[in-house]
Amino acid sequence: MNILDRIVEEKRSEISRRKRDVPSSRLQDSPLYGRSTSDLRSSLVTAPVFGIIAEIKRSSPSAGELRTDADPAGIAEAYTAAGAAGISVLTDATFFRGSLSDLTEVRARTALPLLRKDFLIDPYQVAEAKAAGADAVLLIAAILDRGHLAELFASAFELGLQCLVELYEEKEIDILDTDRMKLIGVNNRDLRTFTIRKDHAIRVSRLLPPDVTVVSESGVAGPADLLRLRDAGIRSALIGEYCMKADSPGGALRELLEGAAQ
């Protein structure tokens, strides 16, 4: 069993527990459930230099411990000041040491669009995201079939949430409804092996319709990577480890954007 299969297996058990502990009806009682959401895609495409979704995560199966003492709210403020177009909050507890409370804390400290990054396989998780203050959710094509992806996309749309639909393999394009799914992430990291091919997003992006906003995920290690993406027509990226490993996550993001503006 590869790491992605292990994560999904654990997620099924986790969702069953969470549904027992917090029924869907209670999620709707959250003060954040009724808030109007922000437009992540618009924020990305209108960013003056490069549209960056800056990520908050403490650890990962590939990189190990990144920042065990992370203060999500403080990092969110630093990312906002540094010029992020949006913020991704890793909410998986078992493999990434995140939580929905991290998302709620971040929501209280920034007006930027927030992405709940997790392994979503159930509409309940979409409702959780709304209740915790998200503006968008990540949907990973590698763990969903066409019908399941459409169901989760519809659930998000009904709640006013955008979807960043993530691809890795070219064949996953076939399950997309690109007439509706306009924000597409292409991961340079194979979630089954966690190996990275830096130009993978560039290659796959050429197979997508021109009216889709492509977000390159993983693999950015400096301003030169952003410039290479921009030269290939990609102006948005999701960046986590590069910033979270730095002494100052906000400072690392600012340096990236300043370097890309040269």
Protein backbone atom coordinates (compact mmCIF):
# COMPACT_ATOMS: atom_id res chain seq x y z
CA MET A 1 0.00 0.00 0.00
CA ASN A 2 1.46 3.37 -1.01
CA ILE A 3 1.33 6.47 1.18
CA LEU A 4 -1.66 7.96 -0.65
CA ASP A 5 -3.70 4.78 -0.12
CA ARG A 6 -2.75 4.81 3.57
CA ILE A 7 -3.86 8.41 3.93
CA VAL A 8 -7.24 7.75 2.28
CA GLU A 9 -7.80 4.65 4.41
CA GLU A 10 -7.13 6.64 7.57
CA LYS A 11 -9.35 9.46 6.28
CA ARG A 12 -12.34 7.13 5.97
CA SER A 13 -12.02 6.13 9.63
CA GLU A 14 -11.48 9.73 10.67
CA ILE A 15 -14.61 10.94 8.87
CA SER A 16 -16.74 8.29 10.56
CA ARG A 17 -15.49 9.45 13.96
CA ARG A 18 -15.99 13.11 13.17
CA LYS A 19 -19.53 12.57 11.93
CA ARG A 20 -20.39 10.89 15.23
CA ASP A 21 -18.76 13.64 17.28
CA VAL A 22 -20.02 16.63 15.28
CA PRO A 23 -23.14 15.95 13.18
CA SER A 24 -23.66 18.02 10.03
CA SER A 25 -26.46 19.97 11.72
CA ARG A 26 -23.99 21.27 14.30
CA LEU A 27 -21.56 22.42 11.64
CA GLN A 28 -24.24 24.79 10.37
CA ASP A 29 -24.33 26.44 13.79
CA SER A 30 -20.78 27.74 13.34
CA PRO A 31 -20.68 31.56 13.13
CA LEU A 32 -18.47 31.20 10.05
CA TYR A 33 -20.86 28.93 8.18
CA GLY A 34 -22.98 31.80 6.89
CA ARG A 35 -20.17 34.15 5.90
CA SER A 36 -19.73 35.31 2.32
CA THR A 37 -16.65 33.72 0.80
CA SER A 38 -13.77 35.32 -1.07
CA ASP A 39 -12.73 34.55 -4.65
CA LEU A 40 -9.43 32.65 -4.63
CA ARG A 41 -9.14 32.42 -8.40
CA SER A 42 -9.64 36.15 -8.87
CA SER A 43 -7.04 36.88 -6.20
CA LEU A 44 -4.53 34.68 -8.01
CA VAL A 45 -5.04 36.08 -11.50
CA THR A 46 -4.96 39.72 -10.35
CA ALA A 47 -1.80 39.38 -8.23
CA PRO A 48 0.68 42.03 -9.45
CA VAL A 49 3.79 39.82 -9.64
CA PHE A 50 2.79 36.18 -9.20
CA GLY A 51 -0.26 34.57 -7.62
CA ILE A 52 1.03 32.55 -4.68
CA ILE A 53 -1.03 30.40 -2.35
CA ALA A 54 1.29 30.28 0.65
CA GLU A 55 0.88 27.16 2.74
CA ILE A 56 0.88 26.55 6.47
CA LYS A 57 1.92 23.05 7.48
CA ARG A 58 3.93 21.61 10.33
CA SER A 59 5.19 18.40 8.74
CA SER A 60 4.70 16.04 5.80
CA PRO A 61 5.43 12.39 4.99
CA SER A 62 8.02 13.49 2.43
CA ALA A 63 9.84 16.26 4.31
CA GLY A 64 9.30 15.17 7.91
CA GLU A 65 9.08 17.87 10.58
CA LEU A 66 9.02 21.36 9.09
CA ARG A 67 7.91 23.60 11.93
CA THR A 68 6.47 21.79 14.94
CA ASP A 69 6.05 25.04 16.90
CA ALA A 70 4.23 26.79 14.07
CA ASP A 71 1.87 29.62 14.98
CA PRO A 72 -0.67 29.47 12.12
CA ALA A 73 -2.23 32.85 12.86
CA GLY A 74 1.13 34.61 13.07
CA ILE A 75 2.39 32.98 9.89
CA ALA A 76 -0.84 33.95 8.13
CA GLU A 77 -0.31 37.59 9.09
CA ALA A 78 3.27 37.42 7.77
CA TYR A 79 2.14 35.82 4.50
CA THR A 80 -0.53 38.49 4.09
CA ALA A 81 1.97 41.30 4.63
CA ALA A 82 4.45 39.66 2.23
CA GLY A 83 2.00 39.64 -0.70
CA ALA A 84 0.36 36.21 -0.77
CA ALA A 85 -2.72 35.94 -2.97
CA GLY A 86 -4.20 33.21 -0.78
CA ILE A 87 -3.29 30.91 2.10
CA SER A 88 -3.49 27.13 2.19
CA VAL A 89 -3.96 25.50 5.59
CA LEU A 90 -3.12 21.81 5.94
CA THR A 91 -5.83 20.35 8.19
CA ASP A 92 -4.87 16.66 8.18
CA ALA A 93 -3.80 15.62 11.69
CA THR A 94 -2.37 12.14 11.26
CA PHE A 95 0.17 12.75 8.49
CA PHE A 96 0.63 16.53 8.52
CA ARG A 97 -0.11 17.52 12.14
CA GLY A 98 -2.69 20.08 11.11
CA SER A 99 -6.24 20.71 12.30
CA LEU A 100 -9.42 22.56 11.46
CA SER A 101 -8.70 24.82 14.43
CA ASP A 102 -5.61 26.02 12.55
CA LEU A 103 -7.91 27.11 9.74
CA THR A 104 -10.24 28.93 12.11
CA GLU A 105 -7.32 30.72 13.79
CA VAL A 106 -6.01 31.85 10.42
CA ARG A 107 -9.47 33.04 9.36
CA ALA A 108 -9.53 35.41 12.34
CA ARG A 109 -6.25 37.06 11.29
CA THR A 110 -6.45 37.58 7.53
CA ALA A 111 -8.95 38.60 4.87
CA LEU A 112 -7.14 36.62 2.16
CA PRO A 113 -8.94 33.68 0.54
CA LEU A 114 -8.25 30.48 2.49
CA LEU A 115 -7.90 27.00 1.03
CA ARG A 116 -8.61 23.95 3.15
CA LYS A 117 -5.95 21.49 2.03
CA ASP A 118 -6.79 17.96 3.00
CA PHE A 119 -7.79 14.66 1.42
CA LEU A 120 -11.49 15.25 0.77
CA ILE A 121 -13.60 12.21 -0.03
CA ASP A 122 -16.93 13.09 1.62
CA PRO A 123 -19.29 16.10 1.36
CA TYR A 124 -19.14 16.28 5.16
CA GLN A 125 -15.55 17.53 4.85
CA VAL A 126 -16.71 20.31 2.53
CA ALA A 127 -19.21 21.43 5.17
CA GLU A 128 -16.44 21.28 7.77
CA ALA A 129 -14.34 23.57 5.62
CA LYS A 130 -17.17 26.09 5.37
CA ALA A 131 -17.76 25.98 9.13
CA ALA A 132 -14.06 26.56 9.81
CA GLY A 133 -13.80 29.63 7.58
CA ALA A 134 -12.47 28.31 4.26
CA ASP A 135 -13.14 29.98 0.92
CA ALA A 136 -12.00 27.01 -1.15
CA VAL A 137 -11.21 23.32 -0.85
CA LEU A 138 -8.69 21.04 -2.52
CA LEU A 139 -10.09 18.11 -4.51
CA ILE A 140 -7.49 15.53 -5.52
CA ALA A 141 -8.37 13.71 -8.73
CA ALA A 142 -6.07 10.81 -7.90
CA ILE A 143 -8.37 9.69 -5.06
CA LEU A 144 -11.71 10.39 -6.79
CA ASP A 145 -13.56 9.00 -9.77
CA ARG A 146 -15.56 11.21 -12.14
CA GLY A 147 -18.85 10.91 -10.22
CA HIS A 148 -17.24 11.42 -6.83
CA LEU A 149 -15.36 14.49 -8.02
CA ALA A 150 -18.55 15.97 -9.48
CA GLU A 151 -20.41 15.32 -6.22
CA LEU A 152 -17.82 17.09 -4.10
CA PHE A 153 -17.54 19.97 -6.56
CA ALA A 154 -21.33 20.41 -6.45
CA SER A 155 -21.32 20.33 -2.64
CA ALA A 156 -18.69 23.06 -2.55
CA PHE A 157 -20.50 25.17 -5.15
CA GLU A 158 -23.71 24.97 -3.12
CA LEU A 159 -21.88 26.36 -0.09
CA GLY A 160 -20.18 29.12 -2.07
CA LEU A 161 -16.74 27.50 -1.94
CA GLN A 162 -14.35 27.32 -4.87
CA CYS A 163 -12.45 24.15 -5.70
CA LEU A 164 -8.79 23.80 -6.55
CA VAL A 165 -8.91 20.52 -8.47
CA GLU A 166 -5.54 18.82 -8.34
CA LEU A 167 -4.08 16.58 -11.05
CA TYR A 168 -0.92 14.60 -11.32
CA GLU A 169 -1.33 12.13 -14.15
CA GLU A 170 -2.39 13.30 -17.59
CA LYS A 171 -5.19 10.73 -17.72
CA GLU A 172 -6.88 12.48 -14.78
CA ILE A 173 -7.79 15.33 -17.13
CA ASP A 174 -10.43 13.00 -18.57
CA ILE A 175 -12.52 13.09 -15.38
CA LEU A 176 -12.63 16.89 -15.21
CA ASP A 177 -15.57 19.03 -16.22
CA THR A 178 -13.47 21.96 -17.44
CA ASP A 179 -16.60 23.88 -18.39
CA ARG A 180 -17.09 24.36 -14.62
CA MET A 181 -13.72 23.51 -13.06
CA LYS A 182 -11.63 26.54 -13.89
CA LEU A 183 -9.03 26.42 -11.10
CA ILE A 184 -6.74 23.46 -11.73
CA GLY A 185 -3.68 22.55 -9.71
CA VAL A 186 -1.00 20.39 -11.28
CA ASN A 187 1.17 18.75 -8.65
CA ASN A 188 4.82 18.30 -9.48
CA ARG A 189 4.94 15.76 -6.65
CA ASP A 190 3.68 12.23 -7.21
CA LEU A 191 1.55 11.64 -4.11
CA ARG A 192 2.13 7.90 -4.33
CA THR A 193 5.92 8.12 -4.12
CA PHE A 194 6.44 11.79 -3.13
CA THR A 195 9.07 12.25 -5.84
CA ILE A 196 9.14 15.64 -7.60
CA ARG A 197 9.53 16.51 -11.28
CA LYS A 198 9.84 20.29 -11.45
CA ASP A 199 8.60 20.75 -15.01
CA HIS A 200 5.69 18.34 -14.72
CA ALA A 201 3.13 21.13 -14.20
CA ILE A 202 4.40 22.97 -17.27
CA ARG A 203 4.01 19.90 -19.44
CA VAL A 204 0.54 18.96 -18.18
CA SER A 205 -0.70 22.57 -18.32
CA ARG A 206 -0.30 22.51 -22.10
CA LEU A 207 -3.02 19.87 -22.28
CA LEU A 208 -5.58 22.01 -20.44
CA PRO A 209 -8.00 24.54 -21.98
CA PRO A 210 -6.61 28.09 -22.21
CA ASP A 211 -9.37 29.56 -20.02
CA VAL A 212 -8.33 27.42 -17.03
CA THR A 213 -6.23 29.02 -14.28
CA VAL A 214 -3.34 26.63 -13.61
CA VAL A 215 -1.65 26.47 -10.22
CA SER A 216 1.73 24.75 -10.08
CA GLU A 217 2.05 22.79 -6.84
CA SER A 218 5.30 21.71 -5.14
CA GLY A 219 8.89 22.07 -6.25
CA VAL A 220 9.52 25.81 -5.95
CA ALA A 221 12.97 26.36 -4.47
CA GLY A 222 13.62 29.98 -5.43
CA PRO A 223 12.66 32.90 -7.68
CA ALA A 224 14.12 31.18 -10.76
CA ASP A 225 11.41 28.53 -10.51
CA LEU A 226 8.69 31.20 -10.56
CA LEU A 227 10.30 32.84 -13.58
CA ARG A 228 10.42 29.51 -15.40
CA LEU A 229 6.73 28.94 -14.66
CA ARG A 230 5.82 32.43 -15.84
CA ASP A 231 7.77 31.96 -19.07
CA ALA A 232 5.65 28.84 -19.66
CA GLY A 233 2.41 30.78 -19.10
CA ILE A 234 1.74 29.75 -15.49
CA ARG A 235 1.32 32.66 -13.09
CA SER A 236 0.11 30.88 -9.96
CA ALA A 237 1.77 28.46 -7.55
CA LEU A 238 1.10 26.78 -4.23
CA ILE A 239 4.22 26.94 -2.08
CA GLY A 240 4.65 25.32 1.32
CA GLU A 241 7.93 23.68 2.29
CA TYR A 242 10.15 26.44 0.90
CA CYS A 243 8.54 29.01 3.18
CA MET A 244 7.87 26.79 6.20
CA LYS A 245 11.52 25.65 6.36
CA ALA A 246 12.79 29.23 6.37
CA ASP A 247 13.62 31.14 9.55
CA SER A 248 10.90 33.58 8.52
CA PRO A 249 8.11 32.15 6.34
CA GLY A 250 6.86 35.61 5.50
CA GLY A 251 10.36 36.80 4.69
CA ALA A 252 10.92 33.82 2.40
CA LEU A 253 7.72 34.60 0.53
CA ARG A 254 8.66 38.26 0.17
CA GLU A 255 12.06 37.33 -1.24
CA LEU A 256 10.43 34.97 -3.75
CA LEU A 257 8.12 37.67 -5.02
CA GLU A 258 10.86 40.30 -5.12
CA GLY A 259 13.06 37.92 -7.11
CA ALA A 260 10.23 37.14 -9.53
CA ALA A 261 9.67 40.87 -10.09
CA GLN A 262 13.22 41.40 -11.39
